[in-house]
Structures are given as C-alpha cells and as structure tokens.
C-alpha cells in the first residue's frame, strides 16, 4: 500500500512537473513572439522614419528648385524690362531728334522761300 501510494504521489509530481514545463514553454513562446513583434515594429518605425526623411529632403530640394526657378524668371523679366526701357528711350530720343530736324528743315525752307 505504501509503495502504491508513493507511486501515485510520484505520478502526480511527474504530471505536475510536466504541466509546469508545458506552461513554462508556453510562456517562453509567448515572450519570444512578443520580442519578435517588438523588433518588427522597431524596424518598421525606422523604415517609416527613413521614408519621412527622404520625403522631407525631396520636398526641400523641390522648394529650392522652385525658388531658383522663380529667381531666374524674375531676373529674366527684369532684364527684358531693362532692355525695353532702353529701347523706349532710344526711340524717344530718335523721334525727338527727327522732329527737331524736320522743324529745322521747314524753317530753312520757309526762309528760303521768302
């Protein structure tokens, strides 16, 4: 009877030990899965951060290009305006000179006829 009782107690202890081992393995698997998920999330966060940095850099470069283009257009417009103003002054001066010459010729012609 004592032997049977001891065998039963040993059987219960073995079953409890196996149960504890299964629980420990289950907890270890869960911990491993959580660690894997954590690492994946950290990797994804770094990847998203790199993408955001590249996007920000692209936007910055685009803005710089647009500003350079705007300055170039403004400079070209200013140059065309300067050339236009120079041409207007030249034509005005030429017209004034021509008008003075005509008046002088008319006066000379009028003097000669009298």
Protein backbone atom coordinates (compact mmCIF):
# COMPACT_ATOMS: atom_id res chain seq x y z
CA UNK A 1 0.00 0.00 0.00
CA UNK A 2 2.75 2.46 0.85
CA UNK A 3 4.53 1.60 -2.36
CA UNK A 4 1.38 2.17 -4.37
CA UNK A 5 0.78 5.44 -2.52
CA UNK A 6 4.34 6.53 -3.22
CA UNK A 7 3.97 5.58 -6.90
CA UNK A 8 0.73 7.59 -7.08
CA UNK A 9 2.42 10.56 -5.41
CA UNK A 10 5.37 10.28 -7.82
CA UNK A 11 2.94 10.04 -10.73
CA UNK A 12 1.18 13.25 -9.56
CA UNK A 13 4.52 15.01 -9.08
CA UNK A 14 5.63 13.96 -12.57
CA UNK A 15 2.36 15.17 -14.08
CA UNK A 16 2.63 18.48 -12.21
CA UNK A 17 6.24 18.89 -13.32
CA UNK A 18 5.21 18.18 -16.93
CA UNK A 19 2.35 20.66 -16.59
CA UNK A 20 4.74 23.31 -15.19
CA UNK A 21 7.19 22.59 -18.05
CA UNK A 22 4.42 22.97 -20.67
CA UNK A 23 3.33 26.25 -19.04
CA UNK A 24 6.94 27.48 -18.97
CA UNK A 25 7.38 26.57 -22.67
CA UNK A 26 4.11 28.30 -23.49
CA UNK A 27 5.22 31.45 -21.63
CA UNK A 28 8.62 31.30 -23.36
CA UNK A 29 6.94 31.01 -26.79
CA UNK A 30 4.71 33.96 -25.92
CA UNK A 31 7.74 36.01 -24.80
CA UNK A 32 9.59 35.08 -28.00
CA UNK A 33 6.58 36.11 -30.11
CA UNK A 34 6.29 39.43 -28.26
CA UNK A 35 10.02 40.08 -28.76
CA UNK A 36 9.70 39.26 -32.47
CA UNK A 37 6.74 41.64 -32.82
CA UNK A 38 8.63 44.35 -30.93
CA UNK A 39 11.62 44.00 -33.24
CA UNK A 40 9.39 44.11 -36.32
CA UNK A 41 7.65 47.24 -35.05
CA UNK A 42 11.00 48.92 -34.33
CA UNK A 43 12.23 48.01 -37.81
CA UNK A 44 9.03 49.37 -39.36
CA UNK A 45 9.36 52.58 -37.33
CA UNK A 46 12.95 53.06 -38.56
CA UNK A 47 11.83 52.38 -42.11
CA UNK A 48 9.00 54.91 -41.84
CA UNK A 49 11.38 57.44 -40.34
CA UNK A 50 13.80 56.98 -43.25
CA UNK A 51 10.93 57.37 -45.71
CA UNK A 52 9.80 60.55 -43.96
CA UNK A 53 13.35 61.92 -44.01
CA UNK A 54 13.64 61.16 -47.74
CA UNK A 55 10.24 62.77 -48.35
CA UNK A 56 11.25 65.86 -46.37
CA UNK A 57 14.54 66.06 -48.26
CA UNK A 58 12.71 65.73 -51.58
CA UNK A 59 10.28 68.48 -50.61
CA UNK A 60 13.18 70.69 -49.54
CA UNK A 61 15.01 70.11 -52.84
CA UNK A 62 11.82 70.76 -54.78
CA UNK A 63 11.23 74.01 -52.89
CA UNK A 64 14.82 75.07 -53.55
CA UNK A 65 14.40 74.31 -57.26
CA UNK A 66 11.16 76.28 -57.38
CA UNK A 67 12.83 79.24 -55.63
CA UNK A 68 15.77 79.12 -58.04
CA UNK A 69 13.37 78.99 -60.99
CA UNK A 70 11.37 81.93 -59.60
CA UNK A 71 14.58 83.96 -59.17
CA UNK A 72 15.69 83.09 -62.71
CA UNK A 73 12.29 84.09 -64.12
CA UNK A 74 12.35 87.34 -62.12
CA UNK A 75 15.89 88.10 -63.31
CA UNK A 76 14.92 87.40 -66.92
CA UNK A 77 11.81 89.57 -66.57
CA UNK A 78 13.90 92.39 -65.08
CA UNK A 79 16.41 92.11 -67.93
CA UNK A 80 13.64 92.23 -70.55
CA UNK A 81 12.12 95.26 -68.80
CA UNK A 82 15.51 96.98 -68.74
CA UNK A 83 16.03 96.28 -72.46
CA UNK A 84 12.51 97.50 -73.20
CA UNK A 85 13.10 100.72 -71.26
CA UNK A 86 16.42 101.26 -73.05
CA UNK A 87 14.73 100.76 -76.42
CA UNK A 88 11.90 103.15 -75.50
CA UNK A 89 14.47 105.80 -74.53
CA UNK A 90 16.37 105.24 -77.78
CA UNK A 91 13.20 105.54 -79.87
CA UNK A 92 12.01 108.59 -77.94
CA UNK A 93 15.38 110.28 -78.42
CA UNK A 94 15.42 109.34 -82.11
CA UNK A 95 11.87 110.65 -82.60
CA UNK A 96 12.70 113.90 -80.85
CA UNK A 97 15.83 114.34 -82.99
CA UNK A 98 13.89 113.58 -86.17
CA UNK A 99 11.16 116.01 -85.17
CA UNK A 100 13.73 118.76 -84.49
CA UNK A 101 15.40 118.11 -87.85
CA UNK A 102 12.04 118.37 -89.65
CA UNK A 103 11.21 121.62 -87.90
CA UNK A 104 14.63 122.99 -88.81
CA UNK A 105 14.19 121.94 -92.46
CA UNK A 106 10.74 123.51 -92.51
CA UNK A 107 12.16 126.74 -91.09
CA UNK A 108 15.00 126.74 -93.59
CA UNK A 109 12.60 126.02 -96.40
CA UNK A 110 10.30 128.78 -95.22
CA UNK A 111 13.26 131.24 -95.05
CA UNK A 112 14.45 130.30 -98.50
CA UNK A 113 11.04 130.84 -100.00
CA UNK A 114 10.85 134.39 -98.65
